[in-house]
PDB file of N, CA and C in Angstrom:
ATOM      1  N   MET A   1    -114.499  53.847 107.022  1.00  0.00           N
ATOM      2  CA  MET A   1    -115.919  54.102 106.880  1.00  0.00           C
ATOM      3  C   MET A   1    -116.221  55.495 107.450  1.00  0.00           C
ATOM      4  N   PRO A   2    -116.950  56.315 106.702  1.00  0.00           N
ATOM      5  CA  PRO A   2    -117.281  57.661 107.201  1.00  0.00           C
ATOM      6  C   PRO A   2    -118.199  57.590 108.411  1.00  0.00           C
ATOM      7  N   ARG A   3    -118.123  58.617 109.238  1.00  0.00           N
ATOM      8  CA  ARG A   3    -118.999  58.664 110.402  1.00  0.00           C
ATOM      9  C   ARG A   3    -120.426  58.934 109.948  1.00  0.00           C
ATOM     10  N   PRO A   4    -121.428  58.484 110.706  1.00  0.00           N
ATOM     11  CA  PRO A   4    -122.820  58.750 110.342  1.00  0.00           C
ATOM     12  C   PRO A   4    -123.178  60.216 110.586  1.00  0.00           C
ATOM     13  N   GLY A   5    -124.226  60.662 109.947  1.00  0.00           N
ATOM     14  CA  GLY A   5    -124.703  62.024 110.166  1.00  0.00           C
ATOM     15  C   GLY A   5    -124.330  62.947 109.026  1.00  0.00           C
ATOM     16  N   PRO A   6    -124.663  64.212 109.195  1.00  0.00           N
ATOM     17  CA  PRO A   6    -124.400  65.170 108.115  1.00  0.00           C
ATOM     18  C   PRO A   6    -122.906  65.381 107.895  1.00  0.00           C
ATOM     19  N   ARG A   7    -122.579  65.726 106.674  1.00  0.00           N
ATOM     20  CA  ARG A   7    -121.176  65.982 106.329  1.00  0.00           C
ATOM     21  C   ARG A   7    -120.716  67.272 106.990  1.00  0.00           C
ATOM     22  N   ARG A   8    -119.517  67.266 107.531  1.00  0.00           N
ATOM     23  CA  ARG A   8    -118.948  68.456 108.164  1.00  0.00           C
ATOM     24  C   ARG A   8    -117.988  69.124 107.197  1.00  0.00           C
ATOM     25  N   ILE A   9    -118.036  70.433 107.146  1.00  0.00           N
ATOM     26  CA  ILE A   9    -117.118  71.189 106.305  1.00  0.00           C
ATOM     27  C   ILE A   9    -115.770  71.258 107.014  1.00  0.00           C
ATOM     28  N   ALA A  10    -114.698  70.981 106.276  1.00  0.00           N
ATOM     29  CA  ALA A  10    -113.354  71.016 106.856  1.00  0.00           C
ATOM     30  C   ALA A  10    -112.863  72.456 106.976  1.00  0.00           C
ATOM     31  N   VAL A  11    -112.286  72.769 108.121  1.00  0.00           N
ATOM     32  CA  VAL A  11    -111.690  74.077 108.368  1.00  0.00           C
ATOM     33  C   VAL A  11    -110.291  73.827 108.924  1.00  0.00           C
ATOM     34  N   ALA A  12    -109.292  74.480 108.353  1.00  0.00           N
ATOM     35  CA  ALA A  12    -107.914  74.305 108.814  1.00  0.00           C
ATOM     36  C   ALA A  12    -107.499  75.483 109.685  1.00  0.00           C
ATOM     37  N   VAL A  13    -106.925  75.173 110.839  1.00  0.00           N
ATOM     38  CA  VAL A  13    -106.444  76.193 111.771  1.00  0.00           C
ATOM     39  C   VAL A  13    -105.053  75.760 112.237  1.00  0.00           C
ATOM     40  N   ARG A  14    -104.101  76.665 112.194  1.00  0.00           N
ATOM     41  CA  ARG A  14    -102.755  76.352 112.694  1.00  0.00           C
ATOM     42  C   ARG A  14    -102.696  76.667 114.179  1.00  0.00           C
ATOM     43  N   LEU A  15    -102.240  75.692 114.956  1.00  0.00           N
ATOM     44  CA  LEU A  15    -102.172  75.839 116.408  1.00  0.00           C
ATOM     45  C   LEU A  15    -100.747  75.602 116.886  1.00  0.00           C
ATOM     46  N   THR A  16    -100.338  76.355 117.895  1.00  0.00           N
ATOM     47  CA  THR A  16     -99.035  76.108 118.508  1.00  0.00           C
ATOM     48  C   THR A  16     -99.136  74.873 119.399  1.00  0.00           C
ATOM     49  N   ALA A  17     -98.001  74.293 119.722  1.00  0.00           N
ATOM     50  CA  ALA A  17     -97.983  73.120 120.602  1.00  0.00           C
ATOM     51  C   ALA A  17     -98.589  73.464 121.960  1.00  0.00           C
ATOM     52  N   ASP A  18     -98.317  74.671 122.465  1.00  0.00           N
ATOM     53  CA  ASP A  18     -98.876  75.083 123.758  1.00  0.00           C
ATOM     54  C   ASP A  18    -100.397  75.170 123.698  1.00  0.00           C
ATOM     55  N   LEU A  19    -100.931  75.710 122.611  1.00  0.00           N
ATOM     56  CA  LEU A  19    -102.384  75.821 122.490  1.00  0.00           C
ATOM     57  C   LEU A  19    -103.021  74.444 122.351  1.00  0.00           C
ATOM     58  N   ILE A  20    -102.369  73.539 121.630  1.00  0.00           N
ATOM     59  CA  ILE A  20    -102.879  72.173 121.515  1.00  0.00           C
ATOM     60  C   ILE A  20    -102.957  71.536 122.897  1.00  0.00           C
ATOM     61  N   ASP A  21    -101.921  71.723 123.715  1.00  0.00           N
ATOM     62  CA  ASP A  21    -101.938  71.183 125.078  1.00  0.00           C
ATOM     63  C   ASP A  21    -103.097  71.767 125.885  1.00  0.00           C
ATOM     64  N   GLU A  22    -103.326  73.080 125.758  1.00  0.00           N
ATOM     65  CA  GLU A  22    -104.428  73.720 126.485  1.00  0.00           C
ATOM     66  C   GLU A  22    -105.783  73.194 126.018  1.00  0.00           C
ATOM     67  N   LEU A  23    -105.954  73.035 124.707  1.00  0.00           N
ATOM     68  CA  LEU A  23    -107.221  72.522 124.181  1.00  0.00           C
ATOM     69  C   LEU A  23    -107.441  71.075 124.613  1.00  0.00           C
ATOM     70  N   ASP A  24    -106.381  70.268 124.592  1.00  0.00           N
ATOM     71  CA  ASP A  24    -106.502  68.879 125.047  1.00  0.00           C
ATOM     72  C   ASP A  24    -106.889  68.828 126.521  1.00  0.00           C
ATOM     73  N   TRP A  25    -106.284  69.699 127.334  1.00  0.00           N
ATOM     74  CA  TRP A  25    -106.617  69.740 128.757  1.00  0.00           C
ATOM     75  C   TRP A  25    -108.093  70.102 128.933  1.00  0.00           C
ATOM     76  N   GLN A  26    -108.549  71.121 128.202  1.00  0.00           N
ATOM     77  CA  GLN A  26    -109.941  71.552 128.330  1.00  0.00           C
ATOM     78  C   GLN A  26    -110.899  70.467 127.836  1.00  0.00           C
ATOM     79  N   ALA A  27    -110.573  69.811 126.725  1.00  0.00           N
ATOM     80  CA  ALA A  27    -111.425  68.732 126.218  1.00  0.00           C
ATOM     81  C   ALA A  27    -111.532  67.616 127.252  1.00  0.00           C
ATOM     82  N   ASN A  28    -110.415  67.258 127.885  1.00  0.00           N
ATOM     83  CA  ASN A  28    -110.443  66.248 128.952  1.00  0.00           C
ATOM     84  C   ASN A  28    -111.321  66.707 130.102  1.00  0.00           C
ATOM     85  N   ALA A  29    -111.140  67.961 130.526  1.00  0.00           N
ATOM     86  CA  ALA A  29    -111.899  68.492 131.662  1.00  0.00           C
ATOM     87  C   ALA A  29    -113.397  68.501 131.383  1.00  0.00           C
ATOM     88  N   GLU A  30    -113.773  68.690 130.119  1.00  0.00           N
ATOM     89  CA  GLU A  30    -115.191  68.747 129.755  1.00  0.00           C
ATOM     90  C   GLU A  30    -115.734  67.395 129.307  1.00  0.00           C
ATOM     91  N   GLY A  31    -114.894  66.354 129.353  1.00  0.00           N
ATOM     92  CA  GLY A  31    -115.349  65.016 128.991  1.00  0.00           C
ATOM     93  C   GLY A  31    -115.540  64.814 127.497  1.00  0.00           C
ATOM     94  N   LEU A  32    -114.877  65.631 126.683  1.00  0.00           N
ATOM     95  CA  LEU A  32    -114.968  65.487 125.228  1.00  0.00           C
ATOM     96  C   LEU A  32    -113.854  64.548 124.778  1.00  0.00           C
ATOM     97  N   LEU A  33    -114.169  63.262 124.740  1.00  0.00           N
ATOM     98  CA  LEU A  33    -113.170  62.243 124.424  1.00  0.00           C
ATOM     99  C   LEU A  33    -113.605  61.422 123.223  1.00  0.00           C
ATOM    100  N   MET A  34    -112.625  60.975 122.441  1.00  0.00           N
ATOM    101  CA  MET A  34    -112.896  60.070 121.326  1.00  0.00           C
ATOM    102  C   MET A  34    -113.062  58.660 121.889  1.00  0.00           C
ATOM    103  N   ALA A  35    -113.493  57.743 121.050  1.00  0.00           N
ATOM    104  CA  ALA A  35    -113.669  56.355 121.486  1.00  0.00           C
ATOM    105  C   ALA A  35    -112.366  55.783 122.031  1.00  0.00           C
ATOM    106  N   SER A  36    -111.237  56.270 121.523  1.00  0.00           N
ATOM    107  CA  SER A  36    -109.925  55.788 121.975  1.00  0.00           C
ATOM    108  C   SER A  36    -109.542  56.336 123.347  1.00  0.00           C
ATOM    109  N   GLY A  37    -110.320  57.313 123.853  1.00  0.00           N
ATOM    110  CA  GLY A  37    -110.006  57.933 125.133  1.00  0.00           C
ATOM    111  C   GLY A  37    -109.170  59.197 125.003  1.00  0.00           C
ATOM    112  N   GLU A  38    -108.731  59.503 123.780  1.00  0.00           N
ATOM    113  CA  GLU A  38    -107.955  60.724 123.534  1.00  0.00           C
ATOM    114  C   GLU A  38    -108.884  61.937 123.565  1.00  0.00           C
ATOM    115  N   PRO A  39    -108.360  63.108 123.943  1.00  0.00           N
ATOM    116  CA  PRO A  39    -109.191  64.308 123.945  1.00  0.00           C
ATOM    117  C   PRO A  39    -109.633  64.659 122.524  1.00  0.00           C
ATOM    118  N   ASN A  40    -110.884  65.074 122.387  1.00  0.00           N
ATOM    119  CA  ASN A  40    -111.430  65.416 121.076  1.00  0.00           C
ATOM    120  C   ASN A  40    -111.434  66.931 120.919  1.00  0.00           C
ATOM    121  N   ARG A  41    -110.285  67.473 120.510  1.00  0.00           N
ATOM    122  CA  ARG A  41    -110.192  68.937 120.379  1.00  0.00           C
ATOM    123  C   ARG A  41    -111.036  69.447 119.227  1.00  0.00           C
ATOM    124  N   SER A  42    -111.318  68.624 118.216  1.00  0.00           N
ATOM    125  CA  SER A  42    -112.173  69.061 117.105  1.00  0.00           C
ATOM    126  C   SER A  42    -113.573  69.400 117.605  1.00  0.00           C
ATOM    127  N   ASP A  43    -114.141  68.531 118.439  1.00  0.00           N
ATOM    128  CA  ASP A  43    -115.471  68.822 118.988  1.00  0.00           C
ATOM    129  C   ASP A  43    -115.433  70.052 119.879  1.00  0.00           C
ATOM    130  N   LEU A  44    -114.353  70.219 120.649  1.00  0.00           N
ATOM    131  CA  LEU A  44    -114.222  71.398 121.503  1.00  0.00           C
ATOM    132  C   LEU A  44    -114.197  72.669 120.656  1.00  0.00           C
ATOM    133  N   ILE A  45    -113.432  72.662 119.576  1.00  0.00           N
ATOM    134  CA  ILE A  45    -113.353  73.843 118.712  1.00  0.00           C
ATOM    135  C   ILE A  45    -114.697  74.099 118.041  1.00  0.00           C
ATOM    136  N   ARG A  46    -115.415  73.048 117.637  1.00  0.00           N
ATOM    137  CA  ARG A  46    -116.758  73.234 117.064  1.00  0.00           C
ATOM    138  C   ARG A  46    -117.680  73.914 118.073  1.00  0.00           C
ATOM    139  N   LEU A  47    -117.612  73.497 119.329  1.00  0.00           N
ATOM    140  CA  LEU A  47    -118.432  74.128 120.373  1.00  0.00           C
ATOM    141  C   LEU A  47    -118.045  75.590 120.569  1.00  0.00           C
ATOM    142  N   MET A  48    -116.743  75.875 120.552  1.00  0.00           N
ATOM    143  CA  MET A  48    -116.277  77.258 120.719  1.00  0.00           C
ATOM    144  C   MET A  48    -116.765  78.145 119.569  1.00  0.00           C
ATOM    145  N   ILE A  49    -116.694  77.629 118.347  1.00  0.00           N
ATOM    146  CA  ILE A  49    -117.143  78.406 117.191  1.00  0.00           C
ATOM    147  C   ILE A  49    -118.646  78.631 117.255  1.00  0.00           C
ATOM    148  N   ALA A  50    -119.408  77.604 117.614  1.00  0.00           N
ATOM    149  CA  ALA A  50    -120.861  77.762 117.723  1.00  0.00           C
ATOM    150  C   ALA A  50    -121.210  78.807 118.780  1.00  0.00           C
ATOM    151  N   TYR A  51    -120.503  78.782 119.903  1.00  0.00           N
ATOM    152  CA  TYR A  51    -120.743  79.769 120.958  1.00  0.00           C
ATOM    153  C   TYR A  51    -120.431  81.174 120.453  1.00  0.00           C
ATOM    154  N   ALA A  52    -119.302  81.324 119.767  1.00  0.00           N
ATOM    155  CA  ALA A  52    -118.913  82.642 119.244  1.00  0.00           C
ATOM    156  C   ALA A  52    -119.932  83.148 118.232  1.00  0.00           C
ATOM    157  N   ARG A  53    -120.420  82.277 117.369  1.00  0.00           N
ATOM    158  CA  ARG A  53    -121.407  82.703 116.364  1.00  0.00           C
ATOM    159  C   ARG A  53    -122.687  83.193 117.020  1.00  0.00           C
ATOM    160  N   GLU A  54    -123.070  82.582 118.119  1.00  0.00           N
ATOM    161  CA  GLU A  54    -124.310  82.970 118.800  1.00  0.00           C
ATOM    162  C   GLU A  54    -124.142  84.201 119.679  1.00  0.00           C
ATOM    163  N   ASN A  55    -122.952  84.432 120.203  1.00  0.00           N
ATOM    164  CA  ASN A  55    -122.784  85.450 121.239  1.00  0.00           C
ATOM    165  C   ASN A  55    -121.932  86.659 120.872  1.00  0.00           C
ATOM    166  N   MET A  56    -121.157  86.581 119.805  1.00  0.00           N
ATOM    167  CA  MET A  56    -120.313  87.719 119.434  1.00  0.00           C
ATOM    168  C   MET A  56    -121.138  88.723 118.641  1.00  0.00           C
ATOM    169  N   PRO A  57    -120.919  90.018 118.872  1.00  0.00           N
ATOM    170  CA  PRO A  57    -121.651  91.028 118.103  1.00  0.00           C
ATOM    171  C   PRO A  57    -121.310  90.937 116.611  1.00  0.00           C
ATOM    172  N   THR A  58    -122.278  91.239 115.762  1.00  0.00           N
ATOM    173  CA  THR A  58    -122.057  91.236 114.326  1.00  0.00           C
ATOM    174  C   THR A  58    -120.933  92.202 113.971  1.00  0.00           C
ATOM    175  N   GLY A  59    -120.023  91.759 113.144  1.00  0.00           N
ATOM    176  CA  GLY A  59    -118.925  92.611 112.699  1.00  0.00           C
ATOM    177  C   GLY A  59    -117.773  92.725 113.680  1.00  0.00           C
ATOM    178  N   TRP A  60    -117.829  92.003 114.795  1.00  0.00           N
ATOM    179  CA  TRP A  60    -116.761  92.089 115.792  1.00  0.00           C
ATOM    180  C   TRP A  60    -115.452  91.575 115.207  1.00  0.00           C
ATOM    181  N   ARG A  61    -114.371  92.260 115.517  1.00  0.00           N
ATOM    182  CA  ARG A  61    -113.017  91.827 115.156  1.00  0.00           C
ATOM    183  C   ARG A  61    -112.093  92.158 116.315  1.00  0.00           C
ATOM    184  N   PRO A  62    -111.028  91.376 116.514  1.00  0.00           N
ATOM    185  CA  PRO A  62    -110.064  91.716 117.556  1.00  0.00           C
ATOM    186  C   PRO A  62    -109.407  93.058 117.251  1.00  0.00           C
ATOM    187  N   GLU A  63    -108.946  93.724 118.288  1.00  0.00           N
ATOM    188  CA  GLU A  63    -108.237  94.984 118.104  1.00  0.00           C
ATOM    189  C   GLU A  63    -107.010  94.742 117.220  1.00  0.00           C
ATOM    190  N   ASP A  64    -106.726  95.662 116.330  1.00  0.00           N
ATOM    191  CA  ASP A  64    -105.595  95.578 115.392  1.00  0.00           C
ATOM    192  C   ASP A  64    -105.727  94.442 114.380  1.00  0.00           C
ATOM    193  N   TRP A  65    -106.942  93.926 114.178  1.00  0.00           N
ATOM    194  CA  TRP A  65    -107.151  92.844 113.215  1.00  0.00           C
ATOM    195  C   TRP A  65    -107.054  93.381 111.801  1.00  0.00           C
ATOM    196  N   ARG A  66    -106.377  92.628 110.945  1.00  0.00           N
ATOM    197  CA  ARG A  66    -106.318  92.948 109.519  1.00  0.00           C
ATOM    198  C   ARG A  66    -106.528  91.659 108.742  1.00  0.00           C
ATOM    199  N   PRO A  67    -107.272  91.718 107.644  1.00  0.00           N
ATOM    200  CA  PRO A  67    -107.450  90.491 106.854  1.00  0.00           C
ATOM    201  C   PRO A  67    -106.110  90.010 106.309  1.00  0.00           C
ATOM    202  N   SER A  68    -105.943  88.695 106.224  1.00  0.00           N
ATOM    203  CA  SER A  68    -104.699  88.155 105.662  1.00  0.00           C
ATOM    204  C   SER A  68    -104.715  88.335 104.149  1.00  0.00           C
ATOM    205  N   ARG A  69    -103.551  88.429 103.603  1.00  0.00           N
ATOM    206  CA  ARG A  69    -103.442  88.650 102.142  1.00  0.00           C
ATOM    207  C   ARG A  69    -103.183  87.380 101.406  1.00  0.00           C
TER     208      ARG A  69
END
């Protein structure tokens, strides 16, 4: 059964095992847990993206950034 509320757009991001561990640790530390008690890294990443959209300057890119081909 789908979750209630508005439909979320799917975004795929490749993460290293080390980064997954860091995100899980941060989700636990911030109390972002699924009903099963597992860390909810999806909600953490949604919060990070929302923060970046509100606070990053327009047109900002990391140094040496190039669009993927």
